[in-house]
Amino acid sequence: MASPGQWLAGARPRTLPAAVVPVAVGTAAAADAGAVVWWRALLALAVALLLQVGVNYANDYSDGVRGTDKARVGPMRLVGSDVAAPRAVLNAALLCFLTAAVCGLVLVVATGSWWLIAVGAASIAAGWFYTGGDKPYGYRALGEVSVFVFFGLVATVGTTYVQTESLTALSLIASVPCGLLACALLVVNNLRDLPTDGPAGKRTLAVVLGDSRTRALFLACVWVPFAVAAGLLPYQPFAALVLPTLLLALPLTRLVRRGATGPALIAALQQTARLQLTYGLLLALGLAL
């Protein structure tokens, strides 16, 4: 039976900035519109975090029962390491998805926007079918597209919408760096697993692109957010607050560009999460100001 610490590790806490950042930025965009509703923002954060943890457990379960997690360089997996029963991990994923759905339903009722149910259902389906089902799209090089859509566009714009009850241009623009930095996490993770994913039949985008082009994609995911921030400066001058995070981006991109592999990319994953969280919170502060 897995210990509480192992369950926490299985939730992959280093990936949680992907949930926190778009909600923070979306709330800042709502502040720019003069319509922050804090209890709705907190519920949106709960939805995002629960979906992220649910995706992580669902991924652990699906990859574990397929046997694709047996040979790993990265952190421990619950099913692949035989520390938790597959059914227990599946139940944990379903509980996270169900709780996220309940929190989301409260926001639907509060806004009266019943079409948001379809958005929520699509988000849960995307989380499950990433590695679940007979034809997981994560094995068909579509994982990064899904991350950009749901942890960029949907999470950021959706957080603004449930507070302002309108779609804003600022939230749409700000969703781009949120989505790209979330993609950077997945890209560097799949780059690390490149030697084992291909032989295991896991056709990630990294497997399709190969080593060098995957590294180029990672660099783009890191640097384009700074270009977006620069483009916002004439309209949102406090977006310049993200500039100090260049001190995090420079050594990270240098590490990946110079060919880091295996355990060195675990450090890159940690640095990417740190960059994403710091950039996102500073961008949120700048937009709010």
C-alpha atoms as a PDB file:
ATOM      1  CA  MET A   1       0.000   0.000   0.000  1.00  0.00           C
ATOM      2  CA  ALA A   2       1.360   3.413  -0.971  1.00  0.00           C
ATOM      3  CA  SER A   3       2.300   5.837   1.781  1.00  0.00           C
ATOM      4  CA  PRO A   4       0.900   9.415   1.909  1.00  0.00           C
ATOM      5  CA  GLY A   5       4.269  10.642   0.655  1.00  0.00           C
ATOM      6  CA  GLN A   6       4.103   8.301  -2.322  1.00  0.00           C
ATOM      7  CA  TRP A   7       0.566   9.431  -3.127  1.00  0.00           C
ATOM      8  CA  LEU A   8       1.800  13.023  -3.004  1.00  0.00           C
ATOM      9  CA  ALA A   9       4.690  12.141  -5.320  1.00  0.00           C
ATOM     10  CA  GLY A  10       2.226  10.397  -7.647  1.00  0.00           C
ATOM     11  CA  ALA A  11       0.212  13.625  -7.841  1.00  0.00           C
ATOM     12  CA  ARG A  12       3.370  15.180  -9.385  1.00  0.00           C
ATOM     13  CA  PRO A  13       3.371  18.455  -7.433  1.00  0.00           C
ATOM     14  CA  ARG A  14       6.025  19.961  -9.730  1.00  0.00           C
ATOM     15  CA  THR A  15       3.407  20.042 -12.512  1.00  0.00           C
ATOM     16  CA  LEU A  16       0.908  22.065 -10.462  1.00  0.00           C
ATOM     17  CA  PRO A  17       2.154  25.472 -11.668  1.00  0.00           C
ATOM     18  CA  ALA A  18       0.424  24.517 -14.924  1.00  0.00           C
ATOM     19  CA  ALA A  19      -2.863  24.809 -12.998  1.00  0.00           C
ATOM     20  CA  VAL A  20      -2.009  27.790 -10.784  1.00  0.00           C
ATOM     21  CA  VAL A  21      -0.561  30.110 -13.440  1.00  0.00           C
ATOM     22  CA  PRO A  22      -3.534  30.397 -15.855  1.00  0.00           C
ATOM     23  CA  VAL A  23      -5.946  30.994 -12.976  1.00  0.00           C
ATOM     24  CA  ALA A  24      -3.714  33.729 -11.548  1.00  0.00           C
ATOM     25  CA  VAL A  25      -3.321  35.367 -14.965  1.00  0.00           C
ATOM     26  CA  GLY A  26      -7.031  34.985 -15.762  1.00  0.00           C
ATOM     27  CA  THR A  27      -7.922  36.621 -12.445  1.00  0.00           C
ATOM     28  CA  ALA A  28      -5.506  39.469 -13.201  1.00  0.00           C
ATOM     29  CA  ALA A  29      -7.260  39.969 -16.542  1.00  0.00           C
ATOM     30  CA  ALA A  30     -10.548  40.108 -14.618  1.00  0.00           C
ATOM     31  CA  ALA A  31      -8.994  42.728 -12.319  1.00  0.00           C
ATOM     32  CA  ASP A  32      -8.023  44.747 -15.381  1.00  0.00           C
ATOM     33  CA  ALA A  33     -11.706  44.667 -16.345  1.00  0.00           C
ATOM     34  CA  GLY A  34     -12.662  45.717 -12.809  1.00  0.00           C
ATOM     35  CA  ALA A  35     -14.606  42.551 -12.048  1.00  0.00           C
ATOM     36  CA  VAL A  36     -12.688  40.265  -9.673  1.00  0.00           C
ATOM     37  CA  VAL A  37     -14.927  37.844  -7.752  1.00  0.00           C
ATOM     38  CA  TRP A  38     -12.595  36.104  -5.340  1.00  0.00           C
ATOM     39  CA  TRP A  39     -14.737  33.117  -4.421  1.00  0.00           C
ATOM     40  CA  ARG A  40     -15.190  32.334  -8.118  1.00  0.00           C
ATOM     41  CA  ALA A  41     -11.440  32.696  -8.669  1.00  0.00           C
ATOM     42  CA  LEU A  42     -10.769  30.244  -5.824  1.00  0.00           C
ATOM     43  CA  LEU A  43     -13.275  27.763  -7.250  1.00  0.00           C
ATOM     44  CA  ALA A  44     -11.616  28.084 -10.662  1.00  0.00           C
ATOM     45  CA  LEU A  45      -8.281  27.350  -8.975  1.00  0.00           C
ATOM     46  CA  ALA A  46      -9.770  24.279  -7.293  1.00  0.00           C
ATOM     47  CA  VAL A  47     -11.074  23.046 -10.659  1.00  0.00           C
ATOM     48  CA  ALA A  48      -7.690  23.541 -12.329  1.00  0.00           C
ATOM     49  CA  LEU A  49      -5.718  21.857  -9.542  1.00  0.00           C
ATOM     50  CA  LEU A  50      -8.108  18.907  -9.314  1.00  0.00           C
ATOM     51  CA  LEU A  51      -8.002  18.401 -13.071  1.00  0.00           C
ATOM     52  CA  GLN A  52      -4.196  18.528 -13.072  1.00  0.00           C
ATOM     53  CA  VAL A  53      -3.892  15.988 -10.266  1.00  0.00           C
ATOM     54  CA  GLY A  54      -6.609  13.864 -11.863  1.00  0.00           C
ATOM     55  CA  VAL A  55      -4.723  13.865 -15.173  1.00  0.00           C
ATOM     56  CA  ASN A  56      -1.531  12.860 -13.373  1.00  0.00           C
ATOM     57  CA  TYR A  57      -3.178   9.931 -11.595  1.00  0.00           C
ATOM     58  CA  ALA A  58      -5.015   8.876 -14.761  1.00  0.00           C
ATOM     59  CA  ASN A  59      -1.716   8.981 -16.667  1.00  0.00           C
ATOM     60  CA  ASP A  60      -0.044   6.951 -13.906  1.00  0.00           C
ATOM     61  CA  TYR A  61      -2.831   4.358 -14.081  1.00  0.00           C
ATOM     62  CA  SER A  62      -3.001   4.075 -17.887  1.00  0.00           C
ATOM     63  CA  ASP A  63       0.748   3.967 -18.462  1.00  0.00           C
ATOM     64  CA  GLY A  64       1.161   1.610 -15.528  1.00  0.00           C
ATOM     65  CA  VAL A  65      -1.306  -1.010 -16.738  1.00  0.00           C
ATOM     66  CA  ARG A  66       0.201  -0.811 -20.241  1.00  0.00           C
ATOM     67  CA  GLY A  67       3.673  -1.357 -18.837  1.00  0.00           C
ATOM     68  CA  THR A  68       5.141   1.800 -20.400  1.00  0.00           C
ATOM     69  CA  ASP A  69       6.314   3.085 -16.995  1.00  0.00           C
ATOM     70  CA  LYS A  70       8.498   0.084 -16.132  1.00  0.00           C
ATOM     71  CA  ALA A  71      11.733   1.655 -17.352  1.00  0.00           C
ATOM     72  CA  ARG A  72      11.859   5.291 -16.271  1.00  0.00           C
ATOM     73  CA  VAL A  73      14.473   7.925 -15.578  1.00  0.00           C
ATOM     74  CA  GLY A  74      12.019  10.308 -13.939  1.00  0.00           C
ATOM     75  CA  PRO A  75      10.158  10.333 -10.616  1.00  0.00           C
ATOM     76  CA  MET A  76       8.412   7.284  -9.185  1.00  0.00           C
ATOM     77  CA  ARG A  77       5.070   6.171 -10.588  1.00  0.00           C
ATOM     78  CA  LEU A  78       2.537   4.495  -8.332  1.00  0.00           C
ATOM     79  CA  VAL A  79       1.386   1.686 -10.631  1.00  0.00           C
ATOM     80  CA  GLY A  80       4.626   1.279 -12.577  1.00  0.00           C
ATOM     81  CA  SER A  81       6.575   0.921  -9.322  1.00  0.00           C
ATOM     82  CA  ASP A  82       4.009  -1.517  -7.862  1.00  0.00           C
ATOM     83  CA  VAL A  83       3.496   0.612  -4.741  1.00  0.00           C
ATOM     84  CA  ALA A  84      -0.256   1.087  -5.352  1.00  0.00           C
ATOM     85  CA  ALA A  85      -2.921  -1.095  -6.913  1.00  0.00           C
ATOM     86  CA  PRO A  86      -4.094   0.082 -10.341  1.00  0.00           C
ATOM     87  CA  ARG A  87      -7.701   0.226  -9.114  1.00  0.00           C
ATOM     88  CA  ALA A  88      -6.721   2.528  -6.234  1.00  0.00           C
ATOM     89  CA  VAL A  89      -4.936   4.940  -8.586  1.00  0.00           C
ATOM     90  CA  LEU A  90      -7.870   4.854 -11.008  1.00  0.00           C
ATOM     91  CA  ASN A  91     -10.269   5.659  -8.160  1.00  0.00           C
ATOM     92  CA  ALA A  92      -8.064   8.575  -7.090  1.00  0.00           C
ATOM     93  CA  ALA A  93      -8.168   9.968 -10.631  1.00  0.00           C
ATOM     94  CA  LEU A  94     -11.947   9.585 -10.861  1.00  0.00           C
ATOM     95  CA  LEU A  95     -12.420  11.231  -7.461  1.00  0.00           C
ATOM     96  CA  CYS A  96     -10.374  14.241  -8.607  1.00  0.00           C
ATOM     97  CA  PHE A  97     -12.383  14.522 -11.829  1.00  0.00           C
ATOM     98  CA  LEU A  98     -15.684  14.216  -9.971  1.00  0.00           C
ATOM     99  CA  THR A  99     -14.751  16.862  -7.407  1.00  0.00           C
ATOM    100  CA  ALA A 100     -13.576  19.181 -10.185  1.00  0.00           C
ATOM    101  CA  ALA A 101     -16.933  18.676 -11.929  1.00  0.00           C
ATOM    102  CA  VAL A 102     -18.848  19.613  -8.764  1.00  0.00           C
ATOM    103  CA  CYS A 103     -16.767  22.778  -8.287  1.00  0.00           C
ATOM    104  CA  GLY A 104     -17.240  23.636 -11.941  1.00  0.00           C
ATOM    105  CA  LEU A 105     -20.988  23.113 -11.710  1.00  0.00           C
ATOM    106  CA  VAL A 106     -21.152  25.710  -8.934  1.00  0.00           C
ATOM    107  CA  LEU A 107     -19.525  28.205 -11.311  1.00  0.00           C
ATOM    108  CA  VAL A 108     -21.959  27.239 -14.067  1.00  0.00           C
ATOM    109  CA  VAL A 109     -24.927  27.936 -11.800  1.00  0.00           C
ATOM    110  CA  ALA A 110     -23.390  31.202 -10.560  1.00  0.00           C
ATOM    111  CA  THR A 111     -22.828  32.541 -14.085  1.00  0.00           C
ATOM    112  CA  GLY A 112     -25.911  30.994 -15.673  1.00  0.00           C
ATOM    113  CA  SER A 113     -23.688  29.961 -18.588  1.00  0.00           C
ATOM    114  CA  TRP A 114     -24.798  26.379 -19.066  1.00  0.00           C
ATOM    115  CA  TRP A 115     -22.565  25.927 -22.110  1.00  0.00           C
ATOM    116  CA  LEU A 116     -19.658  25.803 -19.662  1.00  0.00           C
ATOM    117  CA  ILE A 117     -20.773  22.250 -18.830  1.00  0.00           C
ATOM    118  CA  ALA A 118     -19.595  21.222 -22.288  1.00  0.00           C
ATOM    119  CA  VAL A 119     -16.234  22.924 -21.674  1.00  0.00           C
ATOM    120  CA  GLY A 120     -15.870  21.096 -18.367  1.00  0.00           C
ATOM    121  CA  ALA A 121     -16.817  17.766 -19.907  1.00  0.00           C
ATOM    122  CA  ALA A 122     -14.280  18.313 -22.690  1.00  0.00           C
ATOM    123  CA  SER A 123     -11.595  19.137 -20.107  1.00  0.00           C
ATOM    124  CA  ILE A 124     -12.238  15.929 -18.171  1.00  0.00           C
ATOM    125  CA  ALA A 125     -12.365  13.876 -21.376  1.00  0.00           C
ATOM    126  CA  ALA A 126      -9.072  15.412 -22.490  1.00  0.00           C
ATOM    127  CA  GLY A 127      -7.535  14.483 -19.152  1.00  0.00           C
ATOM    128  CA  TRP A 128      -8.674  10.873 -19.342  1.00  0.00           C
ATOM    129  CA  PHE A 129      -8.008  10.148 -23.015  1.00  0.00           C
ATOM    130  CA  TYR A 130      -4.514  11.649 -22.902  1.00  0.00           C
ATOM    131  CA  THR A 131      -3.227   8.169 -22.065  1.00  0.00           C
ATOM    132  CA  GLY A 132      -6.524   6.367 -21.372  1.00  0.00           C
ATOM    133  CA  GLY A 133      -8.813   4.405 -23.663  1.00  0.00           C
ATOM    134  CA  ASP A 134      -7.957   2.271 -26.671  1.00  0.00           C
ATOM    135  CA  LYS A 135      -6.462   5.123 -28.713  1.00  0.00           C
ATOM    136  CA  PRO A 136      -4.887   7.660 -26.350  1.00  0.00           C
ATOM    137  CA  TYR A 137      -4.083  10.885 -28.153  1.00  0.00           C
ATOM    138  CA  GLY A 138      -0.996  11.384 -25.982  1.00  0.00           C
ATOM    139  CA  TYR A 139       0.490   8.452 -27.895  1.00  0.00           C
ATOM    140  CA  ARG A 140      -0.322  10.202 -31.174  1.00  0.00           C
ATOM    141  CA  ALA A 141       1.762  13.339 -30.694  1.00  0.00           C
ATOM    142  CA  LEU A 142      -1.212  15.506 -29.641  1.00  0.00           C
ATOM    143  CA  GLY A 143      -0.372  15.982 -25.974  1.00  0.00           C
ATOM    144  CA  GLU A 144       1.173  19.436 -26.409  1.00  0.00           C
ATOM    145  CA  VAL A 145      -1.829  20.654 -28.414  1.00  0.00           C
ATOM    146  CA  SER A 146      -4.187  19.566 -25.636  1.00  0.00           C
ATOM    147  CA  VAL A 147      -2.034  21.171 -22.929  1.00  0.00           C
ATOM    148  CA  PHE A 148      -1.944  24.473 -24.819  1.00  0.00           C
ATOM    149  CA  VAL A 149      -5.705  24.456 -25.312  1.00  0.00           C
ATOM    150  CA  PHE A 150      -6.807  23.391 -21.836  1.00  0.00           C
ATOM    151  CA  PHE A 151      -4.037  24.767 -19.580  1.00  0.00           C
ATOM    152  CA  GLY A 152      -3.627  27.871 -21.715  1.00  0.00           C
ATOM    153  CA  LEU A 153      -6.716  29.059 -23.551  1.00  0.00           C
ATOM    154  CA  VAL A 154      -9.470  27.344 -21.584  1.00  0.00           C
ATOM    155  CA  ALA A 155      -8.052  27.824 -18.081  1.00  0.00           C
ATOM    156  CA  THR A 156      -7.017  31.472 -18.554  1.00  0.00           C
ATOM    157  CA  VAL A 157      -9.970  32.729 -20.576  1.00  0.00           C
ATOM    158  CA  GLY A 158     -12.364  30.591 -18.529  1.00  0.00           C
ATOM    159  CA  THR A 159     -11.104  32.027 -15.235  1.00  0.00           C
ATOM    160  CA  THR A 160     -11.655  35.556 -16.534  1.00  0.00           C
ATOM    161  CA  TYR A 161     -15.069  34.649 -17.911  1.00  0.00           C
ATOM    162  CA  VAL A 162     -16.511  33.179 -14.708  1.00  0.00           C
ATOM    163  CA  GLN A 163     -15.674  36.467 -12.963  1.00  0.00           C
ATOM    164  CA  THR A 164     -16.491  39.042 -15.649  1.00  0.00           C
ATOM    165  CA  GLU A 165     -19.099  36.942 -17.508  1.00  0.00           C
ATOM    166  CA  SER A 166     -17.538  38.172 -20.739  1.00  0.00           C
ATOM    167  CA  LEU A 167     -14.700  37.224 -23.079  1.00  0.00           C
ATOM    168  CA  THR A 168     -11.819  39.709 -23.046  1.00  0.00           C
ATOM    169  CA  ALA A 169      -8.995  40.266 -25.515  1.00  0.00           C
ATOM    170  CA  LEU A 170      -6.457  40.578 -22.696  1.00  0.00           C
ATOM    171  CA  SER A 171      -7.287  37.150 -21.277  1.00  0.00           C
ATOM    172  CA  LEU A 172      -6.990  35.616 -24.750  1.00  0.00           C
ATOM    173  CA  ILE A 173      -3.570  37.185 -25.387  1.00  0.00           C
ATOM    174  CA  ALA A 174      -2.329  36.348 -21.892  1.00  0.00           C
ATOM    175  CA  SER A 175      -3.408  32.731 -22.329  1.00  0.00           C
ATOM    176  CA  VAL A 176      -0.690  32.231 -24.973  1.00  0.00           C
ATOM    177  CA  PRO A 177       2.339  32.412 -22.632  1.00  0.00           C
ATOM    178  CA  CYS A 178       0.420  30.366 -20.049  1.00  0.00           C
ATOM    179  CA  GLY A 179      -0.208  27.628 -22.585  1.00  0.00           C
ATOM    180  CA  LEU A 180       3.313  27.676 -24.001  1.00  0.00           C
ATOM    181  CA  LEU A 181       5.016  27.403 -20.624  1.00  0.00           C
ATOM    182  CA  ALA A 182       2.691  24.534 -19.716  1.00  0.00           C
ATOM    183  CA  CYS A 183       3.705  22.907 -23.014  1.00  0.00           C
ATOM    184  CA  ALA A 184       7.358  23.445 -22.116  1.00  0.00           C
ATOM    185  CA  LEU A 185       6.845  21.209 -19.073  1.00  0.00           C
ATOM    186  CA  LEU A 186       5.469  18.406 -21.235  1.00  0.00           C
ATOM    187  CA  VAL A 187       8.094  18.881 -23.953  1.00  0.00           C
ATOM    188  CA  VAL A 188      11.034  18.589 -21.558  1.00  0.00           C
ATOM    189  CA  ASN A 189       9.370  15.651 -19.811  1.00  0.00           C
ATOM    190  CA  ASN A 190       8.933  13.817 -23.130  1.00  0.00           C
ATOM    191  CA  LEU A 191      12.455  14.763 -24.178  1.00  0.00           C
ATOM    192  CA  ARG A 192      13.745  13.061 -21.037  1.00  0.00           C
ATOM    193  CA  ASP A 193      11.669   9.948 -21.778  1.00  0.00           C
ATOM    194  CA  LEU A 194      12.548   9.857 -25.470  1.00  0.00           C
ATOM    195  CA  PRO A 195      14.869   6.801 -25.208  1.00  0.00           C
ATOM    196  CA  THR A 196      12.160   4.687 -23.546  1.00  0.00           C
ATOM    197  CA  ASP A 197       8.905   6.023 -25.043  1.00  0.00           C
ATOM    198  CA  GLY A 198       9.626   4.963 -28.622  1.00  0.00           C
ATOM    199  CA  PRO A 199      10.444   1.322 -27.817  1.00  0.00           C
ATOM    200  CA  ALA A 200       7.403   1.170 -25.510  1.00  0.00           C
ATOM    201  CA  GLY A 201       5.107   2.274 -28.350  1.00  0.00           C
ATOM    202  CA  LYS A 202       4.454   5.687 -26.846  1.00  0.00           C
ATOM    203  CA  ARG A 203       4.495   7.988 -29.887  1.00  0.00           C
ATOM    204  CA  THR A 204       4.812  11.384 -28.249  1.00  0.00           C
ATOM    205  CA  LEU A 205       5.556  14.545 -30.189  1.00  0.00           C
ATOM    206  CA  ALA A 206       9.182  14.177 -29.072  1.00  0.00           C
ATOM    207  CA  VAL A 207       9.322  10.718 -30.662  1.00  0.00           C
ATOM    208  CA  VAL A 208       7.893  12.132 -33.898  1.00  0.00           C
ATOM    209  CA  LEU A 209      10.180  15.184 -34.002  1.00  0.00           C
ATOM    210  CA  GLY A 210      13.347  13.553 -32.748  1.00  0.00           C
ATOM    211  CA  ASP A 211      15.878  14.909 -30.296  1.00  0.00           C
ATOM    212  CA  SER A 212      17.134  18.097 -31.974  1.00  0.00           C
ATOM    213  CA  ARG A 213      13.749  19.404 -33.138  1.00  0.00           C
ATOM    214  CA  THR A 214      12.210  18.665 -29.734  1.00  0.00           C
ATOM    215  CA  ARG A 215      14.901  20.821 -28.144  1.00  0.00           C
ATOM    216  CA  ALA A 216      14.104  23.591 -30.640  1.00  0.00           C
ATOM    217  CA  LEU A 217      10.411  23.310 -29.733  1.00  0.00           C
ATOM    218  CA  PHE A 218      11.277  23.631 -26.057  1.00  0.00           C
ATOM    219  CA  LEU A 219      13.282  26.796 -26.714  1.00  0.00           C
ATOM    220  CA  ALA A 220      10.313  28.278 -28.609  1.00  0.00           C
ATOM    221  CA  CYS A 221       7.925  27.439 -25.765  1.00  0.00           C
ATOM    222  CA  VAL A 222      10.206  29.278 -23.345  1.00  0.00           C
ATOM    223  CA  TRP A 223      11.088  32.350 -25.435  1.00  0.00           C
ATOM    224  CA  VAL A 224       7.798  33.179 -27.181  1.00  0.00           C
ATOM    225  CA  PRO A 225       6.157  34.111 -23.826  1.00  0.00           C
ATOM    226  CA  PHE A 226       8.759  36.875 -23.466  1.00  0.00           C
ATOM    227  CA  ALA A 227       7.887  38.116 -26.958  1.00  0.00           C
ATOM    228  CA  VAL A 228       4.211  38.217 -25.963  1.00  0.00           C
ATOM    229  CA  ALA A 229       5.061  40.181 -22.821  1.00  0.00           C
ATOM    230  CA  ALA A 230       7.067  42.632 -24.928  1.00  0.00           C
ATOM    231  CA  GLY A 231       4.084  43.037 -27.254  1.00  0.00           C
ATOM    232  CA  LEU A 232       1.864  43.883 -24.277  1.00  0.00           C
ATOM    233  CA  LEU A 233       4.140  46.672 -23.007  1.00  0.00           C
ATOM    234  CA  PRO A 234       2.507  49.556 -24.938  1.00  0.00           C
ATOM    235  CA  TYR A 235      -0.860  48.655 -23.416  1.00  0.00           C
ATOM    236  CA  GLN A 236       0.169  46.982 -20.166  1.00  0.00           C
ATOM    237  CA  PRO A 237       3.507  48.554 -19.154  1.00  0.00           C
ATOM    238  CA  PHE A 238       3.710  46.571 -15.908  1.00  0.00           C
ATOM    239  CA  ALA A 239       4.030  43.402 -17.999  1.00  0.00           C
ATOM    240  CA  ALA A 240       7.717  44.335 -17.825  1.00  0.00           C
ATOM    241  CA  LEU A 241       7.697  42.707 -14.378  1.00  0.00           C
ATOM    242  CA  VAL A 242       8.323  39.367 -16.112  1.00  0.00           C
ATOM    243  CA  LEU A 243      11.736  40.501 -17.379  1.00  0.00           C
ATOM    244  CA  PRO A 244      13.683  39.322 -14.288  1.00  0.00           C
ATOM    245  CA  THR A 245      12.584  35.761 -15.083  1.00  0.00           C
ATOM    246  CA  LEU A 246      15.049  35.909 -17.966  1.00  0.00           C
ATOM    247  CA  LEU A 247      17.566  35.000 -15.272  1.00  0.00           C
ATOM    248  CA  LEU A 248      15.721  31.680 -14.933  1.00  0.00           C
ATOM    249  CA  ALA A 249      15.149  31.158 -18.656  1.00  0.00           C
ATOM    250  CA  LEU A 250      18.741  31.677 -19.791  1.00  0.00           C
ATOM    251  CA  PRO A 251      20.450  28.834 -17.862  1.00  0.00           C
ATOM    252  CA  LEU A 252      17.456  26.540 -18.494  1.00  0.00           C
ATOM    253  CA  THR A 253      17.508  26.962 -22.250  1.00  0.00           C
ATOM    254  CA  ARG A 254      21.305  26.713 -22.269  1.00  0.00           C
ATOM    255  CA  LEU A 255      21.049  23.368 -20.449  1.00  0.00           C
ATOM    256  CA  VAL A 256      18.560  21.944 -22.949  1.00  0.00           C
ATOM    257  CA  ARG A 257      20.262  23.439 -26.003  1.00  0.00           C
ATOM    258  CA  ARG A 258      23.591  21.877 -25.049  1.00  0.00           C
ATOM    259  CA  GLY A 259      22.151  18.389 -25.119  1.00  0.00           C
ATOM    260  CA  ALA A 260      21.284  17.498 -21.514  1.00  0.00           C
ATOM    261  CA  THR A 261      19.820  13.990 -21.204  1.00  0.00           C
ATOM    262  CA  GLY A 262      18.475  11.622 -18.550  1.00  0.00           C
ATOM    263  CA  PRO A 263      18.803  12.841 -14.948  1.00  0.00           C
ATOM    264  CA  ALA A 264      19.995  16.273 -16.112  1.00  0.00           C
ATOM    265  CA  LEU A 265      16.581  16.788 -17.698  1.00  0.00           C
ATOM    266  CA  ILE A 266      14.916  16.113 -14.344  1.00  0.00           C
ATOM    267  CA  ALA A 267      16.662  19.282 -13.180  1.00  0.00           C
ATOM    268  CA  ALA A 268      15.459  21.010 -16.358  1.00  0.00           C
ATOM    269  CA  LEU A 269      11.899  19.943 -15.551  1.00  0.00           C
ATOM    270  CA  GLN A 270      12.180  21.460 -12.082  1.00  0.00           C
ATOM    271  CA  GLN A 271      13.633  24.659 -13.499  1.00  0.00           C
ATOM    272  CA  THR A 272      10.846  24.838 -16.092  1.00  0.00           C
ATOM    273  CA  ALA A 273       8.199  24.573 -13.376  1.00  0.00           C
ATOM    274  CA  ARG A 274       9.983  27.320 -11.421  1.00  0.00           C
ATOM    275  CA  LEU A 275      10.118  29.536 -14.513  1.00  0.00           C
ATOM    276  CA  GLN A 276       6.475  28.922 -15.308  1.00  0.00           C
ATOM    277  CA  LEU A 277       5.312  29.778 -11.794  1.00  0.00           C
ATOM    278  CA  THR A 278       7.515  32.865 -11.431  1.00  0.00           C
ATOM    279  CA  TYR A 279       6.741  34.219 -14.903  1.00  0.00           C
ATOM    280  CA  GLY A 280       3.019  33.565 -14.459  1.00  0.00           C
ATOM    281  CA  LEU A 281       2.708  35.226 -11.061  1.00  0.00           C
ATOM    282  CA  LEU A 282       4.727  38.255 -12.176  1.00  0.00           C
ATOM    283  CA  LEU A 283       2.646  38.549 -15.341  1.00  0.00           C
ATOM    284  CA  ALA A 284      -0.509  38.351 -13.230  1.00  0.00           C
ATOM    285  CA  LEU A 285       0.796  41.078 -10.946  1.00  0.00           C
ATOM    286  CA  GLY A 286       1.703  43.252 -13.915  1.00  0.00           C
ATOM    287  CA  LEU A 287      -1.714  42.885 -15.532  1.00  0.00           C
ATOM    288  CA  ALA A 288      -3.481  43.572 -12.251  1.00  0.00           C
ATOM    289  CA  LEU A 289      -1.455  46.744 -11.743  1.00  0.00           C
END
